[in-house]
Full PDB file with SEQRES, HELIX, SHEET, SSBOND, CRYST1, ORIGX, SCALE, CONECT and MASTER records, all heavy atoms in Angstrom:
SEQRES   1 A   36  SER ARG LEU TYR SER ARG ASN THR ASP ALA SER ILE GLN          
SEQRES   2 A   36  ILE GLY LEU GLU VAL LEU PRO ILE THR VAL GLY LYS LEU          
SEQRES   3 A   36  ALA GLY ARG ALA ASP CYS ILE LEU LYS HIS                      
SHEET    1 AA1 2 ARG A   2  TYR A   4  0                                        
SHEET    2 AA1 2 GLN A  13  GLY A  15 -1                                        
SHEET    1 AA2 2 VAL A  23  GLY A  24  0                                        
SHEET    2 AA2 2 CYS A  32  ILE A  33  1                                        
CRYST1    1.000    1.000    1.000  90.00  90.00  90.00 P 1           1          
ORIGX1      1.000000  0.000000  0.000000        0.00000                         
ORIGX2      0.000000  1.000000  0.000000        0.00000                         
ORIGX3      0.000000  0.000000  1.000000        0.00000                         
SCALE1      1.000000  0.000000  0.000000        0.00000                         
SCALE2      0.000000  1.000000  0.000000        0.00000                         
SCALE3      0.000000  0.000000  1.000000        0.00000                         
ATOM      1  N   SER A   1    -121.071-104.953  97.866  1.00  0.00           N  
ATOM      2  CA  SER A   1    -122.255-104.247  97.957  1.00  0.00           C  
ATOM      3  C   SER A   1    -122.158-102.763  98.328  1.00  0.00           C  
ATOM      4  O   SER A   1    -121.440-102.444  99.298  1.00  0.00           O  
ATOM      5  CB  SER A   1    -123.204-104.964  98.852  1.00  0.00           C  
ATOM      6  OG  SER A   1    -123.405-106.453  98.400  1.00  0.00           O  
ATOM      7  N   ARG A   2    -122.994-101.931  97.824  1.00  0.00           N  
ATOM      8  CA  ARG A   2    -123.005-100.470  98.127  1.00  0.00           C  
ATOM      9  C   ARG A   2    -124.433 -99.949  97.916  1.00  0.00           C  
ATOM     10  O   ARG A   2    -125.272-100.582  97.420  1.00  0.00           O  
ATOM     11  CB  ARG A   2    -122.127 -99.767  97.214  1.00  0.00           C  
ATOM     12  CG  ARG A   2    -120.626-100.178  97.219  1.00  0.00           C  
ATOM     13  CD  ARG A   2    -119.787 -99.427  96.243  1.00  0.00           C  
ATOM     14  NE  ARG A   2    -119.492 -98.019  96.783  1.00  0.00           N  
ATOM     15  CZ  ARG A   2    -118.487 -97.840  97.602  1.00  0.00           C  
ATOM     16  NH1 ARG A   2    -117.732 -98.752  97.941  1.00  0.00           N  
ATOM     17  NH2 ARG A   2    -118.184 -96.579  98.026  1.00  0.00           N  
ATOM     18  N   LEU A   3    -124.582 -98.818  98.504  1.00  0.00           N  
ATOM     19  CA  LEU A   3    -125.834 -98.034  98.449  1.00  0.00           C  
ATOM     20  C   LEU A   3    -125.569 -96.988  97.432  1.00  0.00           C  
ATOM     21  O   LEU A   3    -124.721 -96.084  97.661  1.00  0.00           O  
ATOM     22  CB  LEU A   3    -126.348 -97.425  99.722  1.00  0.00           C  
ATOM     23  CG  LEU A   3    -126.788 -98.458 100.836  1.00  0.00           C  
ATOM     24  CD1 LEU A   3    -127.281 -97.758 102.069  1.00  0.00           C  
ATOM     25  CD2 LEU A   3    -127.955 -99.442 100.293  1.00  0.00           C  
ATOM     26  N   TYR A   4    -126.354 -96.971  96.412  1.00  0.00           N  
ATOM     27  CA  TYR A   4    -126.105 -95.892  95.342  1.00  0.00           C  
ATOM     28  C   TYR A   4    -127.190 -94.962  95.333  1.00  0.00           C  
ATOM     29  O   TYR A   4    -128.398 -95.205  95.266  1.00  0.00           O  
ATOM     30  CB  TYR A   4    -125.936 -96.676  93.868  1.00  0.00           C  
ATOM     31  CG  TYR A   4    -124.825 -97.417  93.702  1.00  0.00           C  
ATOM     32  CD1 TYR A   4    -124.883 -98.902  94.172  1.00  0.00           C  
ATOM     33  CD2 TYR A   4    -123.608 -97.080  93.341  1.00  0.00           C  
ATOM     34  CE1 TYR A   4    -123.873 -99.730  94.050  1.00  0.00           C  
ATOM     35  CE2 TYR A   4    -122.402 -98.022  93.128  1.00  0.00           C  
ATOM     36  CZ  TYR A   4    -122.609 -99.318  93.516  1.00  0.00           C  
ATOM     37  OH  TYR A   4    -121.724-100.135  93.327  1.00  0.00           O  
ATOM     38  N   SER A   5    -126.905 -93.629  95.250  1.00  0.00           N  
ATOM     39  CA  SER A   5    -127.821 -92.539  95.333  1.00  0.00           C  
ATOM     40  C   SER A   5    -128.671 -92.444  94.106  1.00  0.00           C  
ATOM     41  O   SER A   5    -128.040 -92.609  92.935  1.00  0.00           O  
ATOM     42  CB  SER A   5    -127.118 -91.231  95.685  1.00  0.00           C  
ATOM     43  OG  SER A   5    -128.093 -90.248  95.517  1.00  0.00           O  
ATOM     44  N   ARG A   6    -129.839 -92.229  94.223  1.00  0.00           N  
ATOM     45  CA  ARG A   6    -130.765 -92.109  92.969  1.00  0.00           C  
ATOM     46  C   ARG A   6    -131.196 -90.672  92.816  1.00  0.00           C  
ATOM     47  O   ARG A   6    -131.949 -90.305  91.914  1.00  0.00           O  
ATOM     48  CB  ARG A   6    -132.157 -92.982  93.210  1.00  0.00           C  
ATOM     49  CG  ARG A   6    -132.861 -93.231  91.931  1.00  0.00           C  
ATOM     50  CD  ARG A   6    -134.201 -93.829  92.222  1.00  0.00           C  
ATOM     51  NE  ARG A   6    -134.123 -95.160  92.800  1.00  0.00           N  
ATOM     52  CZ  ARG A   6    -135.176 -95.876  93.119  1.00  0.00           C  
ATOM     53  NH1 ARG A   6    -136.381 -95.396  92.991  1.00  0.00           N  
ATOM     54  NH2 ARG A   6    -135.025 -97.263  93.464  1.00  0.00           N  
ATOM     55  N   ASN A   7    -130.701 -89.775  93.704  1.00  0.00           N  
ATOM     56  CA  ASN A   7    -131.225 -88.290  93.603  1.00  0.00           C  
ATOM     57  C   ASN A   7    -130.190 -87.566  92.526  1.00  0.00           C  
ATOM     58  O   ASN A   7    -129.509 -88.206  91.812  1.00  0.00           O  
ATOM     59  CB  ASN A   7    -131.081 -87.748  94.972  1.00  0.00           C  
ATOM     60  CG  ASN A   7    -132.001 -88.331  96.019  1.00  0.00           C  
ATOM     61  OD1 ASN A   7    -131.873 -89.356  96.385  1.00  0.00           O  
ATOM     62  ND2 ASN A   7    -133.077 -87.527  96.182  1.00  0.00           N  
ATOM     63  N   THR A   8    -130.269 -86.302  92.517  1.00  0.00           N  
ATOM     64  CA  THR A   8    -129.624 -85.591  91.677  1.00  0.00           C  
ATOM     65  C   THR A   8    -128.179 -85.613  91.657  1.00  0.00           C  
ATOM     66  O   THR A   8    -127.456 -85.711  90.676  1.00  0.00           O  
ATOM     67  CB  THR A   8    -130.037 -84.042  91.823  1.00  0.00           C  
ATOM     68  OG1 THR A   8    -129.769 -83.675  93.147  1.00  0.00           O  
ATOM     69  CG2 THR A   8    -131.388 -83.737  91.468  1.00  0.00           C  
ATOM     70  N   ASP A   9    -127.642 -85.862  92.864  1.00  0.00           N  
ATOM     71  CA  ASP A   9    -126.111 -86.023  93.122  1.00  0.00           C  
ATOM     72  C   ASP A   9    -125.939 -87.610  93.146  1.00  0.00           C  
ATOM     73  O   ASP A   9    -125.992 -88.184  94.172  1.00  0.00           O  
ATOM     74  CB  ASP A   9    -125.718 -85.450  94.397  1.00  0.00           C  
ATOM     75  CG  ASP A   9    -124.154 -85.543  94.540  1.00  0.00           C  
ATOM     76  OD1 ASP A   9    -123.494 -86.081  93.475  1.00  0.00           O  
ATOM     77  OD2 ASP A   9    -123.683 -85.069  95.542  1.00  0.00           O  
ATOM     78  N   ALA A  10    -125.834 -88.222  92.003  1.00  0.00           N  
ATOM     79  CA  ALA A  10    -125.733 -89.590  91.854  1.00  0.00           C  
ATOM     80  C   ALA A  10    -124.429 -90.124  92.302  1.00  0.00           C  
ATOM     81  O   ALA A  10    -124.119 -91.285  92.321  1.00  0.00           O  
ATOM     82  CB  ALA A  10    -125.988 -89.949  90.388  1.00  0.00           C  
ATOM     83  N   SER A  11    -123.499 -89.215  92.579  1.00  0.00           N  
ATOM     84  CA  SER A  11    -122.094 -89.593  92.943  1.00  0.00           C  
ATOM     85  C   SER A  11    -122.109 -90.152  94.444  1.00  0.00           C  
ATOM     86  O   SER A  11    -121.070 -90.652  94.873  1.00  0.00           O  
ATOM     87  CB  SER A  11    -121.184 -88.557  92.799  1.00  0.00           C  
ATOM     88  OG  SER A  11    -121.543 -87.324  93.669  1.00  0.00           O  
ATOM     89  N   ILE A  12    -123.103 -89.865  95.185  1.00  0.00           N  
ATOM     90  CA  ILE A  12    -123.108 -90.215  96.602  1.00  0.00           C  
ATOM     91  C   ILE A  12    -123.243 -91.794  96.667  1.00  0.00           C  
ATOM     92  O   ILE A  12    -124.210 -92.414  96.100  1.00  0.00           O  
ATOM     93  CB  ILE A  12    -124.260 -89.676  97.338  1.00  0.00           C  
ATOM     94  CG1 ILE A  12    -124.135 -88.178  97.364  1.00  0.00           C  
ATOM     95  CG2 ILE A  12    -124.333 -90.168  98.839  1.00  0.00           C  
ATOM     96  CD1 ILE A  12    -125.286 -87.430  98.152  1.00  0.00           C  
ATOM     97  N   GLN A  13    -122.268 -92.495  97.257  1.00  0.00           N  
ATOM     98  CA  GLN A  13    -122.295 -93.896  97.532  1.00  0.00           C  
ATOM     99  C   GLN A  13    -121.942 -94.300  98.987  1.00  0.00           C  
ATOM    100  O   GLN A  13    -121.183 -93.443  99.505  1.00  0.00           O  
ATOM    101  CB  GLN A  13    -121.337 -94.619  96.473  1.00  0.00           C  
ATOM    102  CG  GLN A  13    -121.705 -94.347  95.070  1.00  0.00           C  
ATOM    103  CD  GLN A  13    -120.681 -95.207  94.158  1.00  0.00           C  
ATOM    104  OE1 GLN A  13    -119.836 -95.946  94.617  1.00  0.00           O  
ATOM    105  NE2 GLN A  13    -120.644 -94.907  92.871  1.00  0.00           N  
ATOM    106  N   ILE A  14    -122.614 -95.257  99.528  1.00  0.00           N  
ATOM    107  CA  ILE A  14    -122.332 -95.762 100.773  1.00  0.00           C  
ATOM    108  C   ILE A  14    -121.852 -96.962 100.778  1.00  0.00           C  
ATOM    109  O   ILE A  14    -122.539 -97.999 100.420  1.00  0.00           O  
ATOM    110  CB  ILE A  14    -123.553 -95.690 101.768  1.00  0.00           C  
ATOM    111  CG1 ILE A  14    -124.105 -94.119 101.719  1.00  0.00           C  
ATOM    112  CG2 ILE A  14    -123.262 -96.044 103.163  1.00  0.00           C  
ATOM    113  CD1 ILE A  14    -125.550 -94.051 102.582  1.00  0.00           C  
ATOM    114  N   GLY A  15    -120.536 -97.210 101.003  1.00  0.00           N  
ATOM    115  CA  GLY A  15    -119.925 -98.519 101.108  1.00  0.00           C  
ATOM    116  C   GLY A  15    -120.208 -99.413 102.270  1.00  0.00           C  
ATOM    117  O   GLY A  15    -120.437 -98.906 103.404  1.00  0.00           O  
ATOM    118  N   LEU A  16    -120.356-100.677 102.055  1.00  0.00           N  
ATOM    119  CA  LEU A  16    -120.664-101.477 103.209  1.00  0.00           C  
ATOM    120  C   LEU A  16    -119.492-102.435 103.464  1.00  0.00           C  
ATOM    121  O   LEU A  16    -119.654-103.617 103.903  1.00  0.00           O  
ATOM    122  CB  LEU A  16    -121.914-102.392 102.783  1.00  0.00           C  
ATOM    123  CG  LEU A  16    -123.104-101.651 102.364  1.00  0.00           C  
ATOM    124  CD1 LEU A  16    -124.333-102.594 102.120  1.00  0.00           C  
ATOM    125  CD2 LEU A  16    -123.645-100.627 103.487  1.00  0.00           C  
ATOM    126  N   GLU A  17    -118.338-102.047 103.262  1.00  0.00           N  
ATOM    127  CA  GLU A  17    -117.139-102.799 103.564  1.00  0.00           C  
ATOM    128  C   GLU A  17    -116.951-103.035 105.036  1.00  0.00           C  
ATOM    129  O   GLU A  17    -116.614-104.156 105.355  1.00  0.00           O  
ATOM    130  CB  GLU A  17    -115.890-102.090 102.786  1.00  0.00           C  
ATOM    131  CG  GLU A  17    -115.828-102.109 101.439  1.00  0.00           C  
ATOM    132  CD  GLU A  17    -116.607-100.887 100.768  1.00  0.00           C  
ATOM    133  OE1 GLU A  17    -117.126-100.094 101.679  1.00  0.00           O  
ATOM    134  OE2 GLU A  17    -116.631-100.794  99.625  1.00  0.00           O  
ATOM    135  N   VAL A  18    -117.151-102.074 105.836  1.00  0.00           N  
ATOM    136  CA  VAL A  18    -116.969-102.043 107.143  1.00  0.00           C  
ATOM    137  C   VAL A  18    -118.203-101.696 107.892  1.00  0.00           C  
ATOM    138  O   VAL A  18    -118.777-100.508 107.817  1.00  0.00           O  
ATOM    139  CB  VAL A  18    -115.781-101.049 107.581  1.00  0.00           C  
ATOM    140  CG1 VAL A  18    -115.536-101.167 109.225  1.00  0.00           C  
ATOM    141  CG2 VAL A  18    -114.459-101.380 106.927  1.00  0.00           C  
ATOM    142  N   LEU A  19    -118.771-102.644 108.668  1.00  0.00           N  
ATOM    143  CA  LEU A  19    -119.964-102.438 109.325  1.00  0.00           C  
ATOM    144  C   LEU A  19    -119.707-102.615 110.911  1.00  0.00           C  
ATOM    145  O   LEU A  19    -118.805-103.220 111.325  1.00  0.00           O  
ATOM    146  CB  LEU A  19    -121.025-103.425 109.031  1.00  0.00           C  
ATOM    147  CG  LEU A  19    -121.465-103.233 107.479  1.00  0.00           C  
ATOM    148  CD1 LEU A  19    -122.534-104.345 107.114  1.00  0.00           C  
ATOM    149  CD2 LEU A  19    -122.160-101.847 107.234  1.00  0.00           C  
ATOM    150  N   PRO A  20    -120.431-101.884 111.773  1.00  0.00           N  
ATOM    151  CA  PRO A  20    -121.661-101.088 111.415  1.00  0.00           C  
ATOM    152  C   PRO A  20    -121.377 -99.752 110.933  1.00  0.00           C  
ATOM    153  O   PRO A  20    -120.178 -99.164 111.199  1.00  0.00           O  
ATOM    154  CB  PRO A  20    -122.462-101.021 112.749  1.00  0.00           C  
ATOM    155  CG  PRO A  20    -121.372-101.157 113.831  1.00  0.00           C  
ATOM    156  CD  PRO A  20    -120.423-102.032 113.145  1.00  0.00           C  
ATOM    157  N   ILE A  21    -122.306 -99.026 110.282  1.00  0.00           N  
ATOM    158  CA  ILE A  21    -122.146 -97.676 109.838  1.00  0.00           C  
ATOM    159  C   ILE A  21    -123.216 -96.822 110.385  1.00  0.00           C  
ATOM    160  O   ILE A  21    -124.429 -97.308 110.252  1.00  0.00           O  
ATOM    161  CB  ILE A  21    -122.179 -97.634 108.232  1.00  0.00           C  
ATOM    162  CG1 ILE A  21    -120.933 -98.271 107.703  1.00  0.00           C  
ATOM    163  CG2 ILE A  21    -122.106 -96.256 107.768  1.00  0.00           C  
ATOM    164  CD1 ILE A  21    -120.958 -98.396 106.153  1.00  0.00           C  
ATOM    165  N   THR A  22    -123.029 -95.681 110.878  1.00  0.00           N  
ATOM    166  CA  THR A  22    -124.070 -94.836 111.315  1.00  0.00           C  
ATOM    167  C   THR A  22    -124.137 -93.653 110.260  1.00  0.00           C  
ATOM    168  O   THR A  22    -123.208 -92.965 109.941  1.00  0.00           O  
ATOM    169  CB  THR A  22    -123.655 -94.042 112.744  1.00  0.00           C  
ATOM    170  OG1 THR A  22    -123.530 -95.141 113.692  1.00  0.00           O  
ATOM    171  CG2 THR A  22    -124.766 -93.221 113.152  1.00  0.00           C  
ATOM    172  N   VAL A  23    -125.285 -93.434 109.809  1.00  0.00           N  
ATOM    173  CA  VAL A  23    -125.649 -92.427 108.787  1.00  0.00           C  
ATOM    174  C   VAL A  23    -126.161 -91.186 109.413  1.00  0.00           C  
ATOM    175  O   VAL A  23    -127.159 -91.216 110.321  1.00  0.00           O  
ATOM    176  CB  VAL A  23    -126.658 -92.949 107.614  1.00  0.00           C  
ATOM    177  CG1 VAL A  23    -126.922 -91.948 106.606  1.00  0.00           C  
ATOM    178  CG2 VAL A  23    -126.047 -94.201 107.080  1.00  0.00           C  
ATOM    179  N   GLY A  24    -125.786 -90.037 109.162  1.00  0.00           N  
ATOM    180  CA  GLY A  24    -126.254 -88.740 109.825  1.00  0.00           C  
ATOM    181  C   GLY A  24    -125.442 -87.572 109.165  1.00  0.00           C  
ATOM    182  O   GLY A  24    -124.646 -87.657 108.250  1.00  0.00           O  
ATOM    183  N   LYS A  25    -125.586 -86.498 109.734  1.00  0.00           N  
ATOM    184  CA  LYS A  25    -124.890 -85.184 109.317  1.00  0.00           C  
ATOM    185  C   LYS A  25    -124.048 -84.501 110.559  1.00  0.00           C  
ATOM    186  O   LYS A  25    -123.685 -83.521 110.326  1.00  0.00           O  
ATOM    187  CB  LYS A  25    -125.868 -84.193 108.784  1.00  0.00           C  
ATOM    188  CG  LYS A  25    -126.897 -83.650 109.600  1.00  0.00           C  
ATOM    189  CD  LYS A  25    -127.785 -82.609 108.932  1.00  0.00           C  
ATOM    190  CE  LYS A  25    -128.943 -82.014 109.823  1.00  0.00           C  
ATOM    191  NZ  LYS A  25    -129.797 -81.125 109.067  1.00  0.00           N  
ATOM    192  N   LEU A  26    -124.064 -85.109 111.728  1.00  0.00           N  
ATOM    193  CA  LEU A  26    -123.305 -84.724 112.694  1.00  0.00           C  
ATOM    194  C   LEU A  26    -121.815 -85.288 112.590  1.00  0.00           C  
ATOM    195  O   LEU A  26    -121.706 -86.449 112.896  1.00  0.00           O  
ATOM    196  CB  LEU A  26    -123.961 -85.050 113.991  1.00  0.00           C  
ATOM    197  CG  LEU A  26    -123.287 -84.454 115.338  1.00  0.00           C  
ATOM    198  CD1 LEU A  26    -123.190 -82.924 115.284  1.00  0.00           C  
ATOM    199  CD2 LEU A  26    -124.009 -84.915 116.537  1.00  0.00           C  
ATOM    200  N   ALA A  27    -120.957 -84.534 112.349  1.00  0.00           N  
ATOM    201  CA  ALA A  27    -119.469 -84.807 112.314  1.00  0.00           C  
ATOM    202  C   ALA A  27    -119.027 -85.342 113.760  1.00  0.00           C  
ATOM    203  O   ALA A  27    -119.345 -84.699 114.645  1.00  0.00           O  
ATOM    204  CB  ALA A  27    -118.663 -83.789 111.736  1.00  0.00           C  
ATOM    205  N   GLY A  28    -118.349 -86.400 113.733  1.00  0.00           N  
ATOM    206  CA  GLY A  28    -117.751 -86.979 114.937  1.00  0.00           C  
ATOM    207  C   GLY A  28    -118.655 -88.098 115.498  1.00  0.00           C  
ATOM    208  O   GLY A  28    -118.229 -88.918 116.318  1.00  0.00           O  
ATOM    209  N   ARG A  29    -120.047 -88.075 115.260  1.00  0.00           N  
ATOM    210  CA  ARG A  29    -120.967 -89.132 115.497  1.00  0.00           C  
ATOM    211  C   ARG A  29    -121.227 -90.023 114.431  1.00  0.00           C  
ATOM    212  O   ARG A  29    -121.569 -91.277 114.522  1.00  0.00           O  
ATOM    213  CB  ARG A  29    -122.160 -88.474 116.263  1.00  0.00           C  
ATOM    214  CG  ARG A  29    -121.980 -87.888 117.489  1.00  0.00           C  
ATOM    215  CD  ARG A  29    -121.920 -89.029 118.663  1.00  0.00           C  
ATOM    216  NE  ARG A  29    -122.032 -88.356 119.999  1.00  0.00           N  
ATOM    217  CZ  ARG A  29    -121.931 -89.225 121.062  1.00  0.00           C  
ATOM    218  NH1 ARG A  29    -122.135 -90.526 121.018  1.00  0.00           N  
ATOM    219  NH2 ARG A  29    -121.874 -88.652 122.218  1.00  0.00           N  
ATOM    220  N   ALA A  30    -121.450 -89.569 113.250  1.00  0.00           N  
ATOM    221  CA  ALA A  30    -121.821 -90.207 112.103  1.00  0.00           C  
ATOM    222  C   ALA A  30    -120.603 -90.748 111.414  1.00  0.00           C  
ATOM    223  O   ALA A  30    -119.712 -89.966 111.144  1.00  0.00           O  
ATOM    224  CB  ALA A  30    -122.825 -89.438 111.230  1.00  0.00           C  
ATOM    225  N   ASP A  31    -120.635 -92.048 110.907  1.00  0.00           N  
ATOM    226  CA  ASP A  31    -119.568 -92.570 110.045  1.00  0.00           C  
ATOM    227  C   ASP A  31    -119.890 -92.146 108.537  1.00  0.00           C  
ATOM    228  O   ASP A  31    -118.784 -91.755 107.869  1.00  0.00           O  
ATOM    229  CB  ASP A  31    -119.687 -94.103 109.973  1.00  0.00           C  
ATOM    230  CG  ASP A  31    -119.463 -94.585 111.512  1.00  0.00           C  
ATOM    231  OD1 ASP A  31    -118.445 -94.095 112.110  1.00  0.00           O  
ATOM    232  OD2 ASP A  31    -120.282 -95.448 111.952  1.00  0.00           O  
ATOM    233  N   CYS A  32    -121.046 -92.051 108.146  1.00  0.00           N  
ATOM    234  CA  CYS A  32    -121.292 -91.584 106.822  1.00  0.00           C  
ATOM    235  C   CYS A  32    -122.092 -90.279 106.900  1.00  0.00           C  
ATOM    236  O   CYS A  32    -123.229 -90.293 107.275  1.00  0.00           O  
ATOM    237  CB  CYS A  32    -122.253 -92.554 106.015  1.00  0.00           C  
ATOM    238  SG  CYS A  32    -122.738 -92.112 104.305  1.00  0.00           S  
ATOM    239  N   ILE A  33    -121.477 -89.157 106.553  1.00  0.00           N  
ATOM    240  CA  ILE A  33    -122.054 -87.838 106.767  1.00  0.00           C  
ATOM    241  C   ILE A  33    -122.842 -87.476 105.455  1.00  0.00           C  
ATOM    242  O   ILE A  33    -122.121 -87.353 104.236  1.00  0.00           O  
ATOM    243  CB  ILE A  33    -120.926 -86.861 107.129  1.00  0.00           C  
ATOM    244  CG1 ILE A  33    -120.302 -87.219 108.404  1.00  0.00           C  
ATOM    245  CG2 ILE A  33    -121.700 -85.467 107.101  1.00  0.00           C  
ATOM    246  CD1 ILE A  33    -119.118 -86.301 108.808  1.00  0.00           C  
ATOM    247  N   LEU A  34    -124.097 -87.232 105.494  1.00  0.00           N  
ATOM    248  CA  LEU A  34    -124.864 -86.740 104.429  1.00  0.00           C  
ATOM    249  C   LEU A  34    -125.369 -85.335 104.778  1.00  0.00           C  
ATOM    250  O   LEU A  34    -126.314 -85.100 105.593  1.00  0.00           O  
ATOM    251  CB  LEU A  34    -126.088 -87.614 104.258  1.00  0.00           C  
ATOM    252  CG  LEU A  34    -125.776 -89.101 103.857  1.00  0.00           C  
ATOM    253  CD1 LEU A  34    -127.028 -89.975 103.798  1.00  0.00           C  
ATOM    254  CD2 LEU A  34    -125.014 -89.256 102.625  1.00  0.00           C  
ATOM    255  N   LYS A  35    -124.853 -84.333 104.121  1.00  0.00           N  
ATOM    256  CA  LYS A  35    -125.176 -83.034 104.292  1.00  0.00           C  
ATOM    257  C   LYS A  35    -126.519 -82.599 103.554  1.00  0.00           C  
ATOM    258  O   LYS A  35    -126.361 -82.166 102.388  1.00  0.00           O  
ATOM    259  CB  LYS A  35    -124.021 -81.927 103.742  1.00  0.00           C  
ATOM    260  CG  LYS A  35    -122.734 -82.170 104.707  1.00  0.00           C  
ATOM    261  CD  LYS A  35    -122.992 -81.759 106.162  1.00  0.00           C  
ATOM    262  CE  LYS A  35    -121.646 -81.640 106.909  1.00  0.00           C  
ATOM    263  NZ  LYS A  35    -121.829 -81.287 108.310  1.00  0.00           N  
ATOM    264  N   HIS A  36    -127.559 -82.921 104.028  1.00  0.00           N  
ATOM    265  CA  HIS A  36    -128.886 -82.645 103.456  1.00  0.00           C  
ATOM    266  C   HIS A  36    -129.913 -82.213 104.532  1.00  0.00           C  
ATOM    267  O   HIS A  36    -129.805 -82.617 105.674  1.00  0.00           O  
ATOM    268  CB  HIS A  36    -129.358 -83.906 102.716  1.00  0.00           C  
ATOM    269  CG  HIS A  36    -130.464 -83.634 101.797  1.00  0.00           C  
ATOM    270  ND1 HIS A  36    -131.736 -83.740 102.320  1.00  0.00           N  
ATOM    271  CD2 HIS A  36    -130.438 -83.283 100.532  1.00  0.00           C  
ATOM    272  CE1 HIS A  36    -132.539 -83.368 101.027  1.00  0.00           C  
ATOM    273  NE2 HIS A  36    -131.719 -83.072 100.030  1.00  0.00           N  
TER     274      HIS A  36                                                      
MASTER        0    0    0    0    4    0    0    6  273    1    0    3          
END                                                                             
């Protein structure tokens, strides 16, 4: 299972292989970094 982006950049995917996952844009604190 994964999260697939629906926006213009459809290449963004968030894998759920290893949980928990923290989503954010602060490097060092977030596991999945989304620069938006």
